Amino acid sequence: MTQPSEPELLADAVNTLDDLFYVFTPDGEWVEWNDRFTSVTGYDTDEITDLDPTDLVPDEERDDVRTAIKIVTDDRTAATLGTFLETKTGDRIPYEFKFTPLESEDGSLKAITGVGRDFTETNRQLEVQHSLAEELQNVSVPIVEIWDGILLSTIIGKLDSVQAQDFTEELLERISTTQATVAIIDITGAEAVDTQTAQHLIDTIHAVKLMGGQTIITGLNPEISQTLVQLGIGFDVETQSSLQDGLKTALKIEGVSFD
């Protein structure tokens, strides 16, 4: 049995990708593209060869594509662009494109490779998070029960002493009335975490623990982590960088399977 050559194997692998893959010259001439490219864009081979790379995005986004290509051409570095892919039928799909230089042995720019990834699901998740954030900001105390046994609270801006006391009392009251066992405190929207806010977090965590609950802190970015270390404040608590990961952790604690 004859084994396929390396180029054939590579072509087969590229054609199995869910992402768009394509190659064009610095002058905008198409060289190669995978099957996904034609199926998503709706253009056939003859039509693609007549296109300019900027023809695949809406008119108002074409300057951004030209700028990204110029960065690749002039600086010989990769460039990433979030925009819309406009299909032959006029549909617009959120896409992230990455352009990478392909150089010859003598250092000249031979071609530009491109990868396009559908961003629809990511956008949908961001919209859901944004909607949830708006809902939380519209209530007097931003605490909601998002699942049986799970409460989500959020710290937006900077808490003063009165707000901190109200927040803790309301959270503990909700734990008591809902019999919640997990409290997620999201600090993504916190302007800063100073000594007062950090101490408030610690007091709230201890209070939740005394009531038999567990606290998860989300949105703990590197800057806030460094601030806590510099302030000499530490606490033993579950932390996650994103609200999404915090939700997954809370659901696992409640015995929800993701299999």
Protein backbone atom coordinates (compact mmCIF):
# COMPACT_ATOMS: atom_id res chain seq x y z
CA MET A 1 0.00 0.00 0.00
CA THR A 2 1.44 3.38 -1.04
CA GLN A 3 1.86 5.82 1.83
CA PRO A 4 0.69 9.42 1.23
CA SER A 5 3.42 12.02 0.88
CA GLU A 6 4.05 14.69 3.54
CA PRO A 7 2.43 17.46 1.43
CA GLU A 8 -0.65 15.27 0.98
CA LEU A 9 -0.85 14.58 4.71
CA LEU A 10 -0.50 18.28 5.46
CA ALA A 11 -3.24 19.17 2.97
CA ASP A 12 -5.56 16.56 4.47
CA ALA A 13 -4.88 17.87 7.98
CA VAL A 14 -5.51 21.48 6.99
CA ASN A 15 -8.79 20.52 5.35
CA THR A 16 -10.05 18.95 8.58
CA LEU A 17 -9.70 22.24 10.49
CA ASP A 18 -12.79 24.07 11.71
CA ASP A 19 -10.85 27.31 11.16
CA LEU A 20 -10.27 29.03 7.86
CA PHE A 21 -6.72 28.61 6.55
CA TYR A 22 -5.32 30.45 3.55
CA VAL A 23 -2.16 31.84 2.01
CA PHE A 24 -1.77 34.94 -0.15
CA THR A 25 1.13 36.95 -1.54
CA PRO A 26 2.05 40.44 -0.23
CA ASP A 27 0.30 41.77 -3.36
CA GLY A 28 -2.96 40.08 -2.33
CA GLU A 29 -2.87 37.13 -4.74
CA TRP A 30 -4.43 33.97 -3.30
CA VAL A 31 -2.09 30.95 -3.26
CA GLU A 32 -3.79 28.29 -1.14
CA TRP A 33 -6.90 27.84 1.01
CA ASN A 34 -8.62 24.96 2.77
CA ASP A 35 -12.04 23.45 2.19
CA ARG A 36 -13.46 25.28 5.20
CA PHE A 37 -12.60 28.58 3.53
CA THR A 38 -14.78 27.89 0.50
CA SER A 39 -17.64 26.34 2.48
CA VAL A 40 -17.89 29.29 4.89
CA THR A 41 -17.34 32.15 2.44
CA GLY A 42 -19.52 30.62 -0.29
CA TYR A 43 -17.04 31.51 -3.05
CA ASP A 44 -15.77 28.91 -5.50
CA THR A 45 -12.17 28.62 -6.68
CA ASP A 46 -12.52 30.95 -9.68
CA GLU A 47 -14.25 33.61 -7.58
CA ILE A 48 -11.64 33.46 -4.82
CA THR A 49 -8.79 34.11 -7.23
CA ASP A 50 -10.51 37.34 -8.27
CA LEU A 51 -10.90 38.56 -4.68
CA ASP A 52 -8.70 40.83 -2.62
CA PRO A 53 -8.22 39.76 1.03
CA THR A 54 -10.10 42.87 2.12
CA ASP A 55 -13.15 41.77 0.09
CA LEU A 56 -13.98 39.23 2.80
CA VAL A 57 -14.91 41.88 5.37
CA PRO A 58 -17.47 44.72 5.38
CA ASP A 59 -16.47 47.98 3.67
CA GLU A 60 -16.05 49.81 6.98
CA GLU A 61 -13.58 47.17 8.24
CA ARG A 62 -11.30 47.02 5.19
CA ASP A 63 -8.88 49.70 6.38
CA ASP A 64 -8.28 47.64 9.52
CA VAL A 65 -7.39 44.61 7.39
CA ARG A 66 -5.02 46.72 5.29
CA THR A 67 -3.37 48.00 8.46
CA ALA A 68 -2.92 44.46 9.80
CA ILE A 69 -1.41 43.27 6.52
CA LYS A 70 0.91 46.30 6.47
CA ILE A 71 2.15 45.41 9.97
CA VAL A 72 2.96 41.89 8.75
CA THR A 73 4.64 43.20 5.61
CA ASP A 74 6.67 45.99 7.20
CA ASP A 75 7.49 44.59 10.65
CA ARG A 76 7.51 40.87 9.76
CA THR A 77 5.41 40.15 12.81
CA ALA A 78 2.02 38.50 13.25
CA ALA A 79 -1.10 40.65 13.49
CA THR A 80 -4.51 39.71 14.91
CA LEU A 81 -7.79 41.40 14.03
CA GLY A 82 -11.31 40.94 15.37
CA THR A 83 -13.91 41.80 12.74
CA PHE A 84 -16.71 40.27 10.66
CA LEU A 85 -16.35 37.79 7.82
CA GLU A 86 -18.75 38.82 5.06
CA THR A 87 -19.87 35.84 2.97
CA LYS A 88 -20.85 35.81 -0.68
CA THR A 89 -24.52 36.03 0.32
CA GLY A 90 -23.86 39.07 2.53
CA ASP A 91 -24.03 37.30 5.90
CA ARG A 92 -21.72 38.70 8.56
CA ILE A 93 -20.08 36.30 11.02
CA PRO A 94 -17.90 37.47 13.96
CA TYR A 95 -14.37 36.30 13.17
CA GLU A 96 -10.87 36.70 14.52
CA PHE A 97 -8.17 36.72 11.85
CA LYS A 98 -4.47 36.18 12.43
CA PHE A 99 -1.95 37.05 9.71
CA THR A 100 1.59 35.64 9.90
CA PRO A 101 4.59 36.38 7.63
CA LEU A 102 6.11 33.51 5.65
CA GLU A 103 9.71 34.35 4.75
CA SER A 104 12.10 32.88 2.19
CA GLU A 105 15.58 31.66 3.10
CA ASP A 106 17.04 35.01 2.01
CA GLY A 107 14.74 36.85 4.44
CA SER A 108 12.35 38.25 1.84
CA LEU A 109 8.62 38.04 2.43
CA LYS A 110 7.33 35.16 0.35
CA ALA A 111 3.70 35.08 1.46
CA ILE A 112 1.27 35.74 4.29
CA THR A 113 -0.58 32.91 5.98
CA GLY A 114 -3.94 33.55 7.53
CA VAL A 115 -6.14 31.74 10.03
CA GLY A 116 -9.73 32.78 10.66
CA ARG A 117 -11.63 31.59 13.73
CA ASP A 118 -15.38 31.88 14.24
CA PHE A 119 -15.96 34.15 17.24
CA THR A 120 -19.74 33.72 17.43
CA GLU A 121 -19.80 31.58 20.59
CA THR A 122 -17.27 33.80 22.37
CA ASN A 123 -19.33 36.89 21.54
CA ARG A 124 -22.45 35.17 22.84
CA GLN A 125 -20.73 34.37 26.15
CA LEU A 126 -19.53 37.96 26.47
CA GLU A 127 -23.06 39.25 25.81
CA VAL A 128 -24.46 36.94 28.50
CA GLN A 129 -21.84 38.11 31.00
CA HIS A 130 -22.51 41.75 30.08
CA SER A 131 -26.26 41.22 30.50
CA LEU A 132 -25.72 39.58 33.87
CA ALA A 133 -23.46 42.45 34.96
CA GLU A 134 -26.12 45.00 33.98
CA GLU A 135 -28.77 43.04 35.89
CA LEU A 136 -26.58 42.94 38.97
CA GLN A 137 -25.94 46.68 38.83
CA ASN A 138 -29.65 47.42 38.61
CA VAL A 139 -30.49 45.80 41.95
CA SER A 140 -30.00 47.58 45.27
CA VAL A 141 -27.71 44.84 46.60
CA PRO A 142 -26.01 42.87 43.79
CA ILE A 143 -26.72 39.35 45.04
CA VAL A 144 -28.65 36.79 43.00
CA GLU A 145 -29.32 33.06 43.30
CA ILE A 146 -28.08 31.60 40.03
CA TRP A 147 -28.53 27.92 40.95
CA ASP A 148 -29.93 25.89 43.79
CA GLY A 149 -27.42 26.38 46.59
CA ILE A 150 -25.31 28.97 44.73
CA LEU A 151 -25.37 32.75 45.24
CA LEU A 152 -23.51 35.23 43.06
CA SER A 153 -22.54 38.64 44.39
CA THR A 154 -20.47 41.32 42.76
CA ILE A 155 -18.28 44.17 43.94
CA ILE A 156 -18.40 47.12 41.57
CA GLY A 157 -16.21 50.15 42.15
CA LYS A 158 -15.01 50.67 45.71
CA LEU A 159 -16.89 49.73 48.87
CA ASP A 160 -17.06 52.17 51.75
CA SER A 161 -17.55 50.91 55.31
CA VAL A 162 -21.36 51.31 55.26
CA GLN A 163 -21.72 49.54 51.89
CA ALA A 164 -19.40 46.76 53.07
CA GLN A 165 -21.50 46.18 56.19
CA ASP A 166 -24.75 46.17 54.18
CA PHE A 167 -23.24 43.83 51.63
CA THR A 168 -22.12 41.29 54.25
CA GLU A 169 -25.45 41.41 56.11
CA GLU A 170 -27.46 40.95 52.92
CA LEU A 171 -25.25 38.08 51.72
CA LEU A 172 -25.57 36.25 55.04
CA GLU A 173 -29.34 36.85 55.06
CA ARG A 174 -29.63 35.40 51.55
CA ILE A 175 -27.55 32.36 52.57
CA SER A 176 -29.91 31.82 55.50
CA THR A 177 -33.14 32.17 53.49
CA THR A 178 -31.99 30.19 50.44
CA GLN A 179 -29.93 27.58 52.32
CA ALA A 180 -27.12 28.27 49.88
CA THR A 181 -23.85 26.44 50.42
CA VAL A 182 -21.67 28.35 47.92
CA ALA A 183 -21.22 32.11 47.60
CA ILE A 184 -19.38 33.48 44.58
CA ILE A 185 -17.97 37.00 45.06
CA ASP A 186 -16.90 38.49 41.75
CA ILE A 187 -14.43 41.41 42.01
CA THR A 188 -13.85 41.86 38.28
CA GLY A 189 -15.55 45.25 38.44
CA ALA A 190 -13.68 46.45 41.52
CA GLU A 191 -11.79 49.68 40.90
CA ALA A 192 -9.10 48.66 43.36
CA VAL A 193 -8.56 46.41 46.33
CA ASP A 194 -7.11 48.41 49.20
CA THR A 195 -6.72 47.39 52.84
CA GLN A 196 -10.35 48.22 53.65
CA THR A 197 -11.82 46.23 50.77
CA ALA A 198 -9.46 43.30 51.35
CA GLN A 199 -10.34 43.18 55.04
CA HIS A 200 -14.01 43.29 54.10
CA LEU A 201 -13.51 40.27 51.83
CA ILE A 202 -11.80 38.36 54.62
CA ASP A 203 -14.54 39.18 57.14
CA THR A 204 -17.24 38.13 54.67
CA ILE A 205 -15.44 34.85 53.87
CA HIS A 206 -15.14 34.02 57.58
CA ALA A 207 -18.81 34.84 58.17
CA VAL A 208 -19.92 32.63 55.28
CA LYS A 209 -17.74 29.80 56.63
CA LEU A 210 -19.31 30.12 60.09
CA MET A 211 -22.70 29.58 58.45
CA GLY A 212 -21.44 26.37 56.85
CA GLY A 213 -20.93 27.86 53.40
CA GLN A 214 -17.97 28.10 51.02
CA THR A 215 -16.78 31.23 49.22
CA ILE A 216 -15.26 31.49 45.74
CA ILE A 217 -13.54 34.72 44.71
CA THR A 218 -13.48 35.43 40.95
CA GLY A 219 -11.83 38.18 38.93
CA LEU A 220 -8.63 38.08 40.97
CA ASN A 221 -6.28 39.47 38.34
CA PRO A 222 -2.46 39.72 38.71
CA GLU A 223 -2.59 43.39 39.75
CA ILE A 224 -5.07 42.74 42.58
CA SER A 225 -3.13 39.64 43.66
CA GLN A 226 0.05 41.70 43.90
CA THR A 227 -1.78 44.36 45.91
CA LEU A 228 -2.95 41.76 48.43
CA VAL A 229 0.60 40.41 48.75
CA GLN A 230 2.03 43.91 49.20
CA LEU A 231 -0.53 44.62 51.90
CA GLY A 232 0.50 41.45 53.69
CA ILE A 233 -3.02 40.07 53.49
CA GLY A 234 -3.63 36.40 52.80
CA PHE A 235 -6.60 34.09 53.17
CA ASP A 236 -7.39 30.46 52.48
CA VAL A 237 -10.16 30.58 49.89
CA GLU A 238 -10.97 29.17 46.46
CA THR A 239 -10.08 31.70 43.73
CA GLN A 240 -10.65 31.74 39.98
CA SER A 241 -9.49 34.28 37.40
CA SER A 242 -12.84 34.43 35.60
CA LEU A 243 -16.51 34.31 36.59
CA GLN A 244 -17.05 31.46 34.14
CA ASP A 245 -14.45 29.29 35.88
CA GLY A 246 -15.93 30.25 39.25
CA LEU A 247 -19.37 29.09 38.12
CA LYS A 248 -17.94 25.75 36.96
CA THR A 249 -16.22 25.27 40.33
CA ALA A 250 -19.40 26.11 42.23
CA LEU A 251 -21.45 23.69 40.14
CA LYS A 252 -18.92 20.93 40.77
CA ILE A 253 -19.16 21.59 44.51
CA GLU A 254 -22.93 21.18 44.18
CA GLY A 255 -22.40 17.88 42.41
CA VAL A 256 -23.28 19.00 38.89
CA SER A 257 -21.45 16.82 36.36
CA PHE A 258 -20.01 18.21 33.11
CA ASP A 259 -19.53 14.82 31.47
